[in-house]
């Protein structure tokens, strides 16, 4: 163990993190949002942070939107 008391968690057999893919996307998006708010005027950063996911959703076919809504509905707590 290093002198400062901190140690790295076991990365697993393949050397990858134990984080899920969704968590990695969430952390990457949060980091991008912080960087956008630092580097861009706030209204442009807010427009990008809200506008990009909305534009991506609107680019889906109606059948893909239904599938996404169905999958999101299954992830409710307590069901």
N, C-alpha and C. Protein backbone atom coordinates (compact mmCIF):
# COMPACT_ATOMS: atom_id res chain seq x y z
N UNK A 1 0.85 -1.18 0.00
CA UNK A 1 0.00 0.00 0.00
C UNK A 1 0.90 1.24 0.00
N UNK A 2 0.55 2.26 -0.80
CA UNK A 2 1.36 3.47 -0.83
C UNK A 2 1.35 4.18 0.51
N UNK A 3 2.29 5.10 0.68
CA UNK A 3 2.45 5.81 1.94
C UNK A 3 1.24 6.67 2.30
N UNK A 4 0.52 7.19 1.31
CA UNK A 4 -0.59 8.09 1.62
C UNK A 4 -1.87 7.36 2.04
N UNK A 5 -1.87 6.04 2.03
CA UNK A 5 -3.02 5.27 2.46
C UNK A 5 -3.99 4.95 1.35
N UNK A 6 -3.82 5.54 0.19
CA UNK A 6 -4.71 5.26 -0.94
C UNK A 6 -4.18 4.08 -1.72
N UNK A 7 -5.09 3.27 -2.20
CA UNK A 7 -4.69 2.16 -3.06
C UNK A 7 -5.72 1.99 -4.14
N UNK A 8 -5.32 1.45 -5.25
CA UNK A 8 -6.22 1.24 -6.37
C UNK A 8 -7.02 -0.02 -6.16
N UNK A 9 -8.27 0.03 -6.56
CA UNK A 9 -9.11 -1.16 -6.50
C UNK A 9 -8.62 -2.16 -7.54
N UNK A 10 -8.90 -3.40 -7.31
CA UNK A 10 -8.51 -4.43 -8.27
C UNK A 10 -9.27 -4.20 -9.57
N UNK A 11 -8.57 -3.99 -10.69
CA UNK A 11 -9.26 -3.69 -11.94
C UNK A 11 -9.94 -4.89 -12.57
N UNK A 12 -9.82 -6.05 -12.02
CA UNK A 12 -10.46 -7.23 -12.59
C UNK A 12 -9.50 -8.02 -13.46
N UNK A 13 -9.95 -9.16 -13.95
CA UNK A 13 -9.05 -10.04 -14.69
C UNK A 13 -8.57 -9.45 -16.02
N UNK A 14 -9.40 -8.66 -16.69
CA UNK A 14 -8.98 -8.09 -17.97
C UNK A 14 -8.34 -6.73 -17.81
N UNK A 15 -8.30 -6.21 -16.59
CA UNK A 15 -7.70 -4.91 -16.37
C UNK A 15 -8.67 -3.75 -16.59
N UNK A 16 -9.96 -4.04 -16.73
CA UNK A 16 -10.95 -2.99 -16.96
C UNK A 16 -11.64 -2.63 -15.66
N UNK A 17 -12.30 -1.53 -15.68
CA UNK A 17 -13.01 -1.04 -14.51
C UNK A 17 -14.28 -1.86 -14.28
N UNK A 18 -14.79 -1.83 -13.06
CA UNK A 18 -16.02 -2.51 -12.73
C UNK A 18 -17.25 -1.66 -13.01
N UNK A 19 -17.05 -0.44 -13.53
CA UNK A 19 -18.18 0.43 -13.82
C UNK A 19 -18.97 -0.10 -15.02
N UNK A 20 -20.28 0.10 -14.95
CA UNK A 20 -21.12 -0.29 -16.09
C UNK A 20 -20.92 0.70 -17.23
N UNK A 21 -21.37 0.31 -18.42
CA UNK A 21 -21.24 1.18 -19.58
C UNK A 21 -22.02 2.46 -19.38
N UNK A 22 -23.21 2.36 -18.81
CA UNK A 22 -24.02 3.54 -18.56
C UNK A 22 -23.34 4.53 -17.62
N UNK A 23 -22.66 4.00 -16.59
CA UNK A 23 -21.95 4.86 -15.66
C UNK A 23 -20.79 5.57 -16.34
N UNK A 24 -20.11 4.87 -17.21
CA UNK A 24 -19.01 5.50 -17.95
C UNK A 24 -19.51 6.63 -18.83
N UNK A 25 -20.66 6.40 -19.51
CA UNK A 25 -21.24 7.46 -20.34
C UNK A 25 -21.68 8.64 -19.48
N UNK A 26 -22.25 8.36 -18.32
CA UNK A 26 -22.69 9.43 -17.42
C UNK A 26 -21.52 10.28 -16.96
N UNK A 27 -20.44 9.63 -16.54
CA UNK A 27 -19.27 10.38 -16.09
C UNK A 27 -18.63 11.17 -17.23
N UNK A 28 -18.58 10.58 -18.41
CA UNK A 28 -18.04 11.30 -19.57
C UNK A 28 -18.89 12.51 -19.93
N UNK A 29 -20.20 12.35 -19.87
CA UNK A 29 -21.10 13.48 -20.15
C UNK A 29 -20.98 14.57 -19.12
N UNK A 30 -20.84 14.19 -17.85
CA UNK A 30 -20.68 15.19 -16.80
C UNK A 30 -19.37 15.95 -16.97
N UNK A 31 -18.30 15.24 -17.31
CA UNK A 31 -17.02 15.90 -17.54
C UNK A 31 -17.10 16.84 -18.75
N UNK A 32 -17.77 16.41 -19.81
CA UNK A 32 -17.94 17.27 -20.99
C UNK A 32 -18.76 18.50 -20.64
N UNK A 33 -19.78 18.35 -19.80
CA UNK A 33 -20.60 19.49 -19.40
C UNK A 33 -19.79 20.50 -18.60
N UNK A 34 -18.97 20.01 -17.68
CA UNK A 34 -18.15 20.92 -16.88
C UNK A 34 -17.16 21.66 -17.77
N UNK A 35 -16.53 20.96 -18.69
CA UNK A 35 -15.59 21.60 -19.61
C UNK A 35 -16.31 22.61 -20.51
N UNK A 36 -17.52 22.25 -20.98
CA UNK A 36 -18.29 23.18 -21.82
C UNK A 36 -18.64 24.45 -21.06
N UNK A 37 -19.04 24.32 -19.79
CA UNK A 37 -19.38 25.51 -19.01
C UNK A 37 -18.15 26.38 -18.73
N UNK A 38 -16.99 25.77 -18.66
CA UNK A 38 -15.77 26.55 -18.42
C UNK A 38 -15.32 27.26 -19.70
N UNK A 39 -15.35 26.56 -20.83
CA UNK A 39 -14.77 27.09 -22.06
C UNK A 39 -15.74 27.91 -22.91
N UNK A 40 -17.03 27.65 -22.81
CA UNK A 40 -18.02 28.32 -23.66
C UNK A 40 -18.88 29.25 -22.83
N UNK A 41 -19.50 30.24 -23.48
CA UNK A 41 -20.49 31.03 -22.74
C UNK A 41 -21.60 30.11 -22.23
N UNK A 42 -22.14 30.44 -21.08
CA UNK A 42 -23.08 29.53 -20.41
C UNK A 42 -24.29 29.18 -21.25
N UNK A 43 -24.82 30.13 -22.00
CA UNK A 43 -26.04 29.83 -22.77
C UNK A 43 -25.74 28.86 -23.92
N UNK A 44 -24.53 28.95 -24.51
CA UNK A 44 -24.16 28.02 -25.56
C UNK A 44 -23.93 26.62 -24.97
N UNK A 45 -23.27 26.56 -23.82
CA UNK A 45 -23.04 25.27 -23.16
C UNK A 45 -24.36 24.61 -22.79
N UNK A 46 -25.29 25.38 -22.27
CA UNK A 46 -26.59 24.84 -21.91
C UNK A 46 -27.34 24.36 -23.14
N UNK A 47 -27.24 25.11 -24.22
CA UNK A 47 -27.88 24.71 -25.47
C UNK A 47 -27.31 23.38 -25.98
N UNK A 48 -26.00 23.21 -25.89
CA UNK A 48 -25.38 21.96 -26.32
C UNK A 48 -25.76 20.79 -25.41
N UNK A 49 -25.75 21.03 -24.11
CA UNK A 49 -26.02 19.95 -23.16
C UNK A 49 -27.46 19.45 -23.29
N UNK A 50 -28.39 20.36 -23.55
CA UNK A 50 -29.78 19.95 -23.70
C UNK A 50 -30.08 19.57 -25.15
N UNK A 51 -29.52 20.30 -26.09
CA UNK A 51 -29.87 20.12 -27.49
C UNK A 51 -29.35 18.84 -28.12
N UNK A 52 -28.17 18.40 -27.77
CA UNK A 52 -27.61 17.19 -28.39
C UNK A 52 -28.42 15.93 -28.07
N UNK A 53 -28.78 15.66 -26.82
CA UNK A 53 -29.61 14.47 -26.58
C UNK A 53 -30.99 14.57 -27.22
N UNK A 54 -31.58 15.77 -27.22
CA UNK A 54 -32.89 15.94 -27.85
C UNK A 54 -32.79 15.69 -29.35
N UNK A 55 -31.75 16.22 -29.99
CA UNK A 55 -31.56 16.01 -31.42
C UNK A 55 -31.34 14.52 -31.72
N UNK A 56 -30.57 13.85 -30.87
CA UNK A 56 -30.36 12.42 -31.06
C UNK A 56 -31.65 11.63 -30.94
N UNK A 57 -32.49 12.00 -29.99
CA UNK A 57 -33.78 11.31 -29.82
C UNK A 57 -34.68 11.55 -31.02
N UNK A 58 -34.71 12.77 -31.52
CA UNK A 58 -35.57 13.10 -32.65
C UNK A 58 -35.09 12.44 -33.94
N UNK A 59 -33.83 12.04 -34.01
CA UNK A 59 -33.32 11.37 -35.20
C UNK A 59 -33.71 9.90 -35.26
N UNK A 60 -34.23 9.35 -34.16
CA UNK A 60 -34.64 7.95 -34.15
C UNK A 60 -35.92 7.76 -34.95
N UNK A 61 -36.07 6.56 -35.51
CA UNK A 61 -37.33 6.19 -36.15
C UNK A 61 -38.40 6.02 -35.07
N UNK A 62 -39.67 6.12 -35.44
CA UNK A 62 -40.74 5.90 -34.43
C UNK A 62 -40.63 4.52 -33.75
N UNK A 63 -40.24 3.49 -34.49
CA UNK A 63 -40.12 2.17 -33.87
C UNK A 63 -38.96 2.14 -32.87
N UNK A 64 -37.88 2.87 -33.17
CA UNK A 64 -36.75 2.92 -32.24
C UNK A 64 -37.11 3.70 -30.98
N UNK A 65 -37.91 4.76 -31.15
CA UNK A 65 -38.37 5.53 -29.99
C UNK A 65 -39.25 4.67 -29.08
N UNK A 66 -40.15 3.88 -29.68
CA UNK A 66 -41.00 2.99 -28.87
C UNK A 66 -40.14 1.99 -28.10
N UNK A 67 -39.16 1.44 -28.80
CA UNK A 67 -38.27 0.46 -28.16
C UNK A 67 -37.50 1.10 -27.00
N UNK A 68 -37.04 2.33 -27.19
CA UNK A 68 -36.31 3.04 -26.14
C UNK A 68 -37.21 3.32 -24.94
N UNK A 69 -38.44 3.77 -25.21
CA UNK A 69 -39.39 4.03 -24.12
C UNK A 69 -39.73 2.75 -23.36
N UNK A 70 -39.90 1.63 -24.09
CA UNK A 70 -40.20 0.35 -23.46
C UNK A 70 -39.04 -0.09 -22.57
N UNK A 71 -37.82 0.06 -23.06
CA UNK A 71 -36.65 -0.35 -22.27
C UNK A 71 -36.48 0.54 -21.05
N UNK A 72 -36.73 1.83 -21.18
CA UNK A 72 -36.60 2.75 -20.06
C UNK A 72 -37.68 2.47 -19.00
N UNK A 73 -38.85 2.06 -19.43
CA UNK A 73 -39.93 1.74 -18.51
C UNK A 73 -39.65 0.52 -17.66
N UNK A 74 -38.86 -0.41 -18.17
CA UNK A 74 -38.53 -1.63 -17.43
C UNK A 74 -37.55 -1.38 -16.31
N UNK A 75 -36.87 -0.25 -16.31
CA UNK A 75 -35.82 0.00 -15.31
C UNK A 75 -36.35 0.74 -14.08
N UNK A 76 -37.65 0.66 -13.83
CA UNK A 76 -38.21 1.33 -12.68
C UNK A 76 -37.89 0.54 -11.41
N UNK A 77 -37.67 1.25 -10.36
CA UNK A 77 -37.34 0.62 -9.06
C UNK A 77 -38.60 0.03 -8.47
N UNK A 78 -38.50 -1.15 -7.93
CA UNK A 78 -39.62 -1.77 -7.24
C UNK A 78 -40.59 -2.50 -8.13
N UNK A 79 -40.25 -2.72 -9.38
CA UNK A 79 -41.14 -3.45 -10.29
C UNK A 79 -40.48 -4.69 -10.78
